[in-house]
Every structure is written in structure tokens, then in C-alpha cells.
PDB file of N, CA and C in Angstrom:
ATOM      1  N   MET A   1      36.244   6.380  -7.113  1.00  0.00           N
ATOM      2  CA  MET A   1      34.854   6.399  -6.689  1.00  0.00           C
ATOM      3  C   MET A   1      34.720   6.997  -5.299  1.00  0.00           C
ATOM      4  N   ALA A   2      35.553   6.545  -4.367  1.00  0.00           N
ATOM      5  CA  ALA A   2      35.471   7.064  -3.001  1.00  0.00           C
ATOM      6  C   ALA A   2      35.763   8.557  -2.973  1.00  0.00           C
ATOM      7  N   PHE A   3      36.706   8.992  -3.805  1.00  0.00           N
ATOM      8  CA  PHE A   3      37.043  10.416  -3.862  1.00  0.00           C
ATOM      9  C   PHE A   3      35.850  11.232  -4.353  1.00  0.00           C
ATOM     10  N   ALA A   4      35.163  10.728  -5.383  1.00  0.00           N
ATOM     11  CA  ALA A   4      33.991  11.425  -5.919  1.00  0.00           C
ATOM     12  C   ALA A   4      32.895  11.529  -4.871  1.00  0.00           C
ATOM     13  N   MET A   5      32.714  10.477  -4.093  1.00  0.00           N
ATOM     14  CA  MET A   5      31.704  10.515  -3.033  1.00  0.00           C
ATOM     15  C   MET A   5      32.103  11.500  -1.949  1.00  0.00           C
ATOM     16  N   ALA A   6      33.381  11.533  -1.619  1.00  0.00           N
ATOM     17  CA  ALA A   6      33.856  12.459  -0.594  1.00  0.00           C
ATOM     18  C   ALA A   6      33.601  13.893  -1.023  1.00  0.00           C
ATOM     19  N   ILE A   7      33.825  14.195  -2.288  1.00  0.00           N
ATOM     20  CA  ILE A   7      33.567  15.546  -2.792  1.00  0.00           C
ATOM     21  C   ILE A   7      32.070  15.842  -2.757  1.00  0.00           C
ATOM     22  N   SER A   8      31.249  14.873  -3.146  1.00  0.00           N
ATOM     23  CA  SER A   8      29.801  15.066  -3.188  1.00  0.00           C
ATOM     24  C   SER A   8      29.213  15.357  -1.816  1.00  0.00           C
ATOM     25  N   TYR A   9      29.766  14.753  -0.781  1.00  0.00           N
ATOM     26  CA  TYR A   9      29.217  14.897   0.564  1.00  0.00           C
ATOM     27  C   TYR A   9      29.997  15.883   1.428  1.00  0.00           C
ATOM     28  N   ARG A  10      30.956  16.596   0.847  1.00  0.00           N
ATOM     29  CA  ARG A  10      31.769  17.535   1.607  1.00  0.00           C
ATOM     30  C   ARG A  10      30.864  18.591   2.246  1.00  0.00           C
ATOM     31  N   GLY A  11      31.066  18.815   3.524  1.00  0.00           N
ATOM     32  CA  GLY A  11      30.302  19.826   4.240  1.00  0.00           C
ATOM     33  C   GLY A  11      28.983  19.334   4.813  1.00  0.00           C
ATOM     34  N   LEU A  12      28.565  18.152   4.448  1.00  0.00           N
ATOM     35  CA  LEU A  12      27.315  17.604   4.979  1.00  0.00           C
ATOM     36  C   LEU A  12      27.607  16.759   6.209  1.00  0.00           C
ATOM     37  N   THR A  13      26.728  16.844   7.187  1.00  0.00           N
ATOM     38  CA  THR A  13      26.845  16.003   8.365  1.00  0.00           C
ATOM     39  C   THR A  13      26.075  14.717   8.088  1.00  0.00           C
ATOM     40  N   LEU A  14      26.764  13.620   8.111  1.00  0.00           N
ATOM     41  CA  LEU A  14      26.122  12.337   7.841  1.00  0.00           C
ATOM     42  C   LEU A  14      25.652  11.706   9.145  1.00  0.00           C
ATOM     43  N   PRO A  15      24.522  11.002   9.131  1.00  0.00           N
ATOM     44  CA  PRO A  15      24.023  10.362  10.346  1.00  0.00           C
ATOM     45  C   PRO A  15      24.975   9.276  10.838  1.00  0.00           C
ATOM     46  N   GLN A  16      25.014   9.098  12.143  1.00  0.00           N
ATOM     47  CA  GLN A  16      25.880   8.085  12.737  1.00  0.00           C
ATOM     48  C   GLN A  16      25.183   6.736  12.865  1.00  0.00           C
ATOM     49  N   SER A  17      23.878   6.707  12.652  1.00  0.00           N
ATOM     50  CA  SER A  17      23.117   5.464  12.713  1.00  0.00           C
ATOM     51  C   SER A  17      22.181   5.414  11.505  1.00  0.00           C
ATOM     52  N   PRO A  18      21.621   4.263  11.204  1.00  0.00           N
ATOM     53  CA  PRO A  18      20.711   4.158  10.067  1.00  0.00           C
ATOM     54  C   PRO A  18      19.516   5.097  10.216  1.00  0.00           C
ATOM     55  N   VAL A  19      19.092   5.633   9.110  1.00  0.00           N
ATOM     56  CA  VAL A  19      17.949   6.534   9.100  1.00  0.00           C
ATOM     57  C   VAL A  19      16.731   5.735   8.666  1.00  0.00           C
ATOM     58  N   SER A  20      15.673   5.800   9.455  1.00  0.00           N
ATOM     59  CA  SER A  20      14.447   5.080   9.136  1.00  0.00           C
ATOM     60  C   SER A  20      13.401   6.070   8.658  1.00  0.00           C
ATOM     61  N   ASP A  21      12.677   5.701   7.628  1.00  0.00           N
ATOM     62  CA  ASP A  21      11.601   6.562   7.158  1.00  0.00           C
ATOM     63  C   ASP A  21      10.262   6.171   7.784  1.00  0.00           C
ATOM     64  N   GLY A  22      10.299   5.290   8.763  1.00  0.00           N
ATOM     65  CA  GLY A  22       9.085   4.900   9.475  1.00  0.00           C
ATOM     66  C   GLY A  22       8.322   3.757   8.837  1.00  0.00           C
ATOM     67  N   THR A  23       8.851   3.166   7.783  1.00  0.00           N
ATOM     68  CA  THR A  23       8.155   2.039   7.169  1.00  0.00           C
ATOM     69  C   THR A  23       8.460   0.757   7.936  1.00  0.00           C
ATOM     70  N   LEU A  24       7.564  -0.170   7.830  1.00  0.00           N
ATOM     71  CA  LEU A  24       7.747  -1.457   8.495  1.00  0.00           C
ATOM     72  C   LEU A  24       8.842  -2.259   7.800  1.00  0.00           C
ATOM     73  N   PRO A  25       9.553  -3.097   8.556  1.00  0.00           N
ATOM     74  CA  PRO A  25      10.478  -4.026   7.900  1.00  0.00           C
ATOM     75  C   PRO A  25       9.681  -4.916   6.938  1.00  0.00           C
ATOM     76  N   LYS A  26      10.332  -5.402   5.883  1.00  0.00           N
ATOM     77  CA  LYS A  26       9.628  -6.166   4.846  1.00  0.00           C
ATOM     78  C   LYS A  26       8.811  -7.326   5.387  1.00  0.00           C
ATOM     79  N   CYS A  27       9.365  -8.098   6.326  1.00  0.00           N
ATOM     80  CA  CYS A  27       8.631  -9.279   6.805  1.00  0.00           C
ATOM     81  C   CYS A  27       7.343  -8.863   7.513  1.00  0.00           C
ATOM     82  N   LYS A  28       7.388  -7.790   8.312  1.00  0.00           N
ATOM     83  CA  LYS A  28       6.175  -7.318   8.996  1.00  0.00           C
ATOM     84  C   LYS A  28       5.217  -6.683   7.999  1.00  0.00           C
ATOM     85  N   HIS A  29       5.773  -5.948   7.062  1.00  0.00           N
ATOM     86  CA  HIS A  29       4.998  -5.304   6.004  1.00  0.00           C
ATOM     87  C   HIS A  29       4.223  -6.358   5.217  1.00  0.00           C
ATOM     88  N   ASN A  30       4.912  -7.396   4.782  1.00  0.00           N
ATOM     89  CA  ASN A  30       4.279  -8.459   4.007  1.00  0.00           C
ATOM     90  C   ASN A  30       3.273  -9.244   4.841  1.00  0.00           C
ATOM     91  N   ALA A  31       3.585  -9.481   6.106  1.00  0.00           N
ATOM     92  CA  ALA A  31       2.657 -10.198   6.992  1.00  0.00           C
ATOM     93  C   ALA A  31       1.375  -9.396   7.181  1.00  0.00           C
ATOM     94  N   GLU A  32       1.507  -8.082   7.303  1.00  0.00           N
ATOM     95  CA  GLU A  32       0.317  -7.242   7.458  1.00  0.00           C
ATOM     96  C   GLU A  32      -0.528  -7.270   6.189  1.00  0.00           C
ATOM     97  N   ILE A  33       0.121  -7.245   5.039  1.00  0.00           N
ATOM     98  CA  ILE A  33      -0.607  -7.330   3.765  1.00  0.00           C
ATOM     99  C   ILE A  33      -1.372  -8.645   3.686  1.00  0.00           C
ATOM    100  N   ARG A  34      -0.708  -9.758   4.020  1.00  0.00           N
ATOM    101  CA  ARG A  34      -1.380 -11.068   3.978  1.00  0.00           C
ATOM    102  C   ARG A  34      -2.559 -11.127   4.947  1.00  0.00           C
ATOM    103  N   ALA A  35      -2.353 -10.622   6.156  1.00  0.00           N
ATOM    104  CA  ALA A  35      -3.414 -10.655   7.170  1.00  0.00           C
ATOM    105  C   ALA A  35      -4.616  -9.824   6.735  1.00  0.00           C
ATOM    106  N   ARG A  36      -4.361  -8.647   6.214  1.00  0.00           N
ATOM    107  CA  ARG A  36      -5.463  -7.785   5.780  1.00  0.00           C
ATOM    108  C   ARG A  36      -6.201  -8.389   4.586  1.00  0.00           C
ATOM    109  N   HIS A  37      -5.475  -9.064   3.703  1.00  0.00           N
ATOM    110  CA  HIS A  37      -6.120  -9.715   2.559  1.00  0.00           C
ATOM    111  C   HIS A  37      -6.983 -10.883   3.027  1.00  0.00           C
ATOM    112  N   GLU A  38      -6.490 -11.644   4.007  1.00  0.00           N
ATOM    113  CA  GLU A  38      -7.274 -12.758   4.554  1.00  0.00           C
ATOM    114  C   GLU A  38      -8.559 -12.268   5.206  1.00  0.00           C
ATOM    115  N   LYS A  39      -8.546 -11.047   5.731  1.00  0.00           N
ATOM    116  CA  LYS A  39      -9.742 -10.462   6.352  1.00  0.00           C
ATOM    117  C   LYS A  39     -10.695  -9.874   5.321  1.00  0.00           C
ATOM    118  N   GLY A  40     -10.298  -9.925   4.036  1.00  0.00           N
ATOM    119  CA  GLY A  40     -11.213  -9.512   2.984  1.00  0.00           C
ATOM    120  C   GLY A  40     -10.860  -8.252   2.215  1.00  0.00           C
ATOM    121  N   GLU A  41      -9.746  -7.602   2.532  1.00  0.00           N
ATOM    122  CA  GLU A  41      -9.379  -6.398   1.782  1.00  0.00           C
ATOM    123  C   GLU A  41      -8.932  -6.785   0.381  1.00  0.00           C
ATOM    124  N   SER A  42      -9.337  -5.995  -0.578  1.00  0.00           N
ATOM    125  CA  SER A  42      -8.990  -6.288  -1.973  1.00  0.00           C
ATOM    126  C   SER A  42      -7.542  -5.920  -2.273  1.00  0.00           C
ATOM    127  N   ILE A  43      -7.047  -6.493  -3.341  1.00  0.00           N
ATOM    128  CA  ILE A  43      -5.677  -6.213  -3.770  1.00  0.00           C
ATOM    129  C   ILE A  43      -5.519  -4.736  -4.113  1.00  0.00           C
ATOM    130  N   SER A  44      -6.507  -4.161  -4.780  1.00  0.00           N
ATOM    131  CA  SER A  44      -6.397  -2.748  -5.156  1.00  0.00           C
ATOM    132  C   SER A  44      -6.401  -1.834  -3.933  1.00  0.00           C
ATOM    133  N   THR A  45      -7.193  -2.167  -2.926  1.00  0.00           N
ATOM    134  CA  THR A  45      -7.219  -1.377  -1.693  1.00  0.00           C
ATOM    135  C   THR A  45      -5.885  -1.474  -0.970  1.00  0.00           C
ATOM    136  N   LEU A  46      -5.332  -2.670  -0.905  1.00  0.00           N
ATOM    137  CA  LEU A  46      -4.036  -2.866  -0.251  1.00  0.00           C
ATOM    138  C   LEU A  46      -2.927  -2.125  -0.994  1.00  0.00           C
ATOM    139  N   ALA A  47      -2.957  -2.181  -2.317  1.00  0.00           N
ATOM    140  CA  ALA A  47      -1.941  -1.487  -3.112  1.00  0.00           C
ATOM    141  C   ALA A  47      -1.968   0.007  -2.826  1.00  0.00           C
ATOM    142  N   GLU A  48      -3.152   0.561  -2.769  1.00  0.00           N
ATOM    143  CA  GLU A  48      -3.288   1.995  -2.481  1.00  0.00           C
ATOM    144  C   GLU A  48      -2.835   2.311  -1.060  1.00  0.00           C
ATOM    145  N   ALA A  49      -3.216   1.482  -0.105  1.00  0.00           N
ATOM    146  CA  ALA A  49      -2.866   1.719   1.300  1.00  0.00           C
ATOM    147  C   ALA A  49      -1.360   1.657   1.543  1.00  0.00           C
ATOM    148  N   PHE A  50      -0.673   0.760   0.847  1.00  0.00           N
ATOM    149  CA  PHE A  50       0.761   0.572   1.064  1.00  0.00           C
ATOM    150  C   PHE A  50       1.626   1.318   0.053  1.00  0.00           C
ATOM    151  N   GLY A  51       0.990   1.948  -0.924  1.00  0.00           N
ATOM    152  CA  GLY A  51       1.737   2.721  -1.905  1.00  0.00           C
ATOM    153  C   GLY A  51       2.583   1.879  -2.846  1.00  0.00           C
ATOM    154  N   ILE A  52       2.088   0.675  -3.152  1.00  0.00           N
ATOM    155  CA  ILE A  52       2.794  -0.204  -4.087  1.00  0.00           C
ATOM    156  C   ILE A  52       1.793  -0.691  -5.134  1.00  0.00           C
ATOM    157  N   THR A  53       2.289  -1.352  -6.156  1.00  0.00           N
ATOM    158  CA  THR A  53       1.409  -1.777  -7.246  1.00  0.00           C
ATOM    159  C   THR A  53       0.590  -3.011  -6.870  1.00  0.00           C
ATOM    160  N   GLU A  54      -0.502  -3.183  -7.598  1.00  0.00           N
ATOM    161  CA  GLU A  54      -1.323  -4.380  -7.409  1.00  0.00           C
ATOM    162  C   GLU A  54      -0.518  -5.629  -7.749  1.00  0.00           C
ATOM    163  N   GLN A  55       0.348  -5.518  -8.747  1.00  0.00           N
ATOM    164  CA  GLN A  55       1.190  -6.658  -9.119  1.00  0.00           C
ATOM    165  C   GLN A  55       2.089  -7.056  -7.953  1.00  0.00           C
ATOM    166  N   ARG A  56       2.651  -6.073  -7.246  1.00  0.00           N
ATOM    167  CA  ARG A  56       3.529  -6.378  -6.109  1.00  0.00           C
ATOM    168  C   ARG A  56       2.724  -7.008  -4.976  1.00  0.00           C
ATOM    169  N   ILE A  57       1.501  -6.536  -4.743  1.00  0.00           N
ATOM    170  CA  ILE A  57       0.636  -7.153  -3.721  1.00  0.00           C
ATOM    171  C   ILE A  57       0.411  -8.620  -4.082  1.00  0.00           C
ATOM    172  N   TRP A  58       0.091  -8.879  -5.349  1.00  0.00           N
ATOM    173  CA  TRP A  58      -0.130 -10.252  -5.802  1.00  0.00           C
ATOM    174  C   TRP A  58       1.110 -11.098  -5.555  1.00  0.00           C
ATOM    175  N   GLN A  59       2.297 -10.554  -5.851  1.00  0.00           N
ATOM    176  CA  GLN A  59       3.542 -11.288  -5.636  1.00  0.00           C
ATOM    177  C   GLN A  59       3.734 -11.613  -4.157  1.00  0.00           C
ATOM    178  N   ILE A  60       3.435 -10.656  -3.286  1.00  0.00           N
ATOM    179  CA  ILE A  60       3.570 -10.877  -1.838  1.00  0.00           C
ATOM    180  C   ILE A  60       2.597 -11.962  -1.386  1.00  0.00           C
ATOM    181  N   LEU A  61       1.360 -11.885  -1.851  1.00  0.00           N
ATOM    182  CA  LEU A  61       0.347 -12.869  -1.456  1.00  0.00           C
ATOM    183  C   LEU A  61       0.698 -14.273  -1.948  1.00  0.00           C
ATOM    184  N   ASN A  62       1.370 -14.354  -3.081  1.00  0.00           N
ATOM    185  CA  ASN A  62       1.751 -15.646  -3.651  1.00  0.00           C
ATOM    186  C   ASN A  62       3.201 -16.001  -3.372  1.00  0.00           C
ATOM    187  N   GLU A  63       3.821 -15.245  -2.466  1.00  0.00           N
ATOM    188  CA  GLU A  63       5.195 -15.471  -2.016  1.00  0.00           C
ATOM    189  C   GLU A  63       6.191 -15.534  -3.163  1.00  0.00           C
ATOM    190  N   ARG A  64       6.028 -14.636  -4.104  1.00  0.00           N
ATOM    191  CA  ARG A  64       6.979 -14.513  -5.204  1.00  0.00           C
ATOM    192  C   ARG A  64       8.018 -13.479  -4.820  1.00  0.00           C
ATOM    193  N   ARG A  65       9.262 -13.788  -5.080  1.00  0.00           N
ATOM    194  CA  ARG A  65      10.351 -12.855  -4.773  1.00  0.00           C
ATOM    195  C   ARG A  65      10.397 -11.756  -5.814  1.00  0.00           C
ATOM    196  N   LYS A  66      10.779 -10.587  -5.370  1.00  0.00           N
ATOM    197  CA  LYS A  66      10.866  -9.429  -6.253  1.00  0.00           C
ATOM    198  C   LYS A  66      12.031  -9.568  -7.185  1.00  0.00           C
TER     199      LYS A  66
END
């Protein structure tokens, strides 16, 4: 397995530190979803804003694990 990965990444420069895509950490992400919902934003609006499903928003609001 390690050999196959070495071949796959040959010639590529790999980052020396974690790469962030700019998204919030899960705990902050979920806290923001809860706060915005408490202020009156609908589940469908939150799902669209965060790029996740309405079902996942519902799970976050009801503290269900993925």
C-alpha cells in the first residue's frame, strides 16, 4: 500500500502542514448553525447557506451524531 501511494505521489510536492479549505471547525460550524436557527433562520435556508442537507441541519440541531 505504501509503495502504491509513493508511486501515485511521485514528483508532487506535498504540504508540510495541514491544508485548510477555510471552513469552520465542526464545533464552531455547528454552534453557528444552532445560533442562526435560534434567531429564526429556517432549516432550508441554513442548509443552503452551509452547503449541507436539511437532514444534516436537523441532526445538528437535535445533537444527533453523523
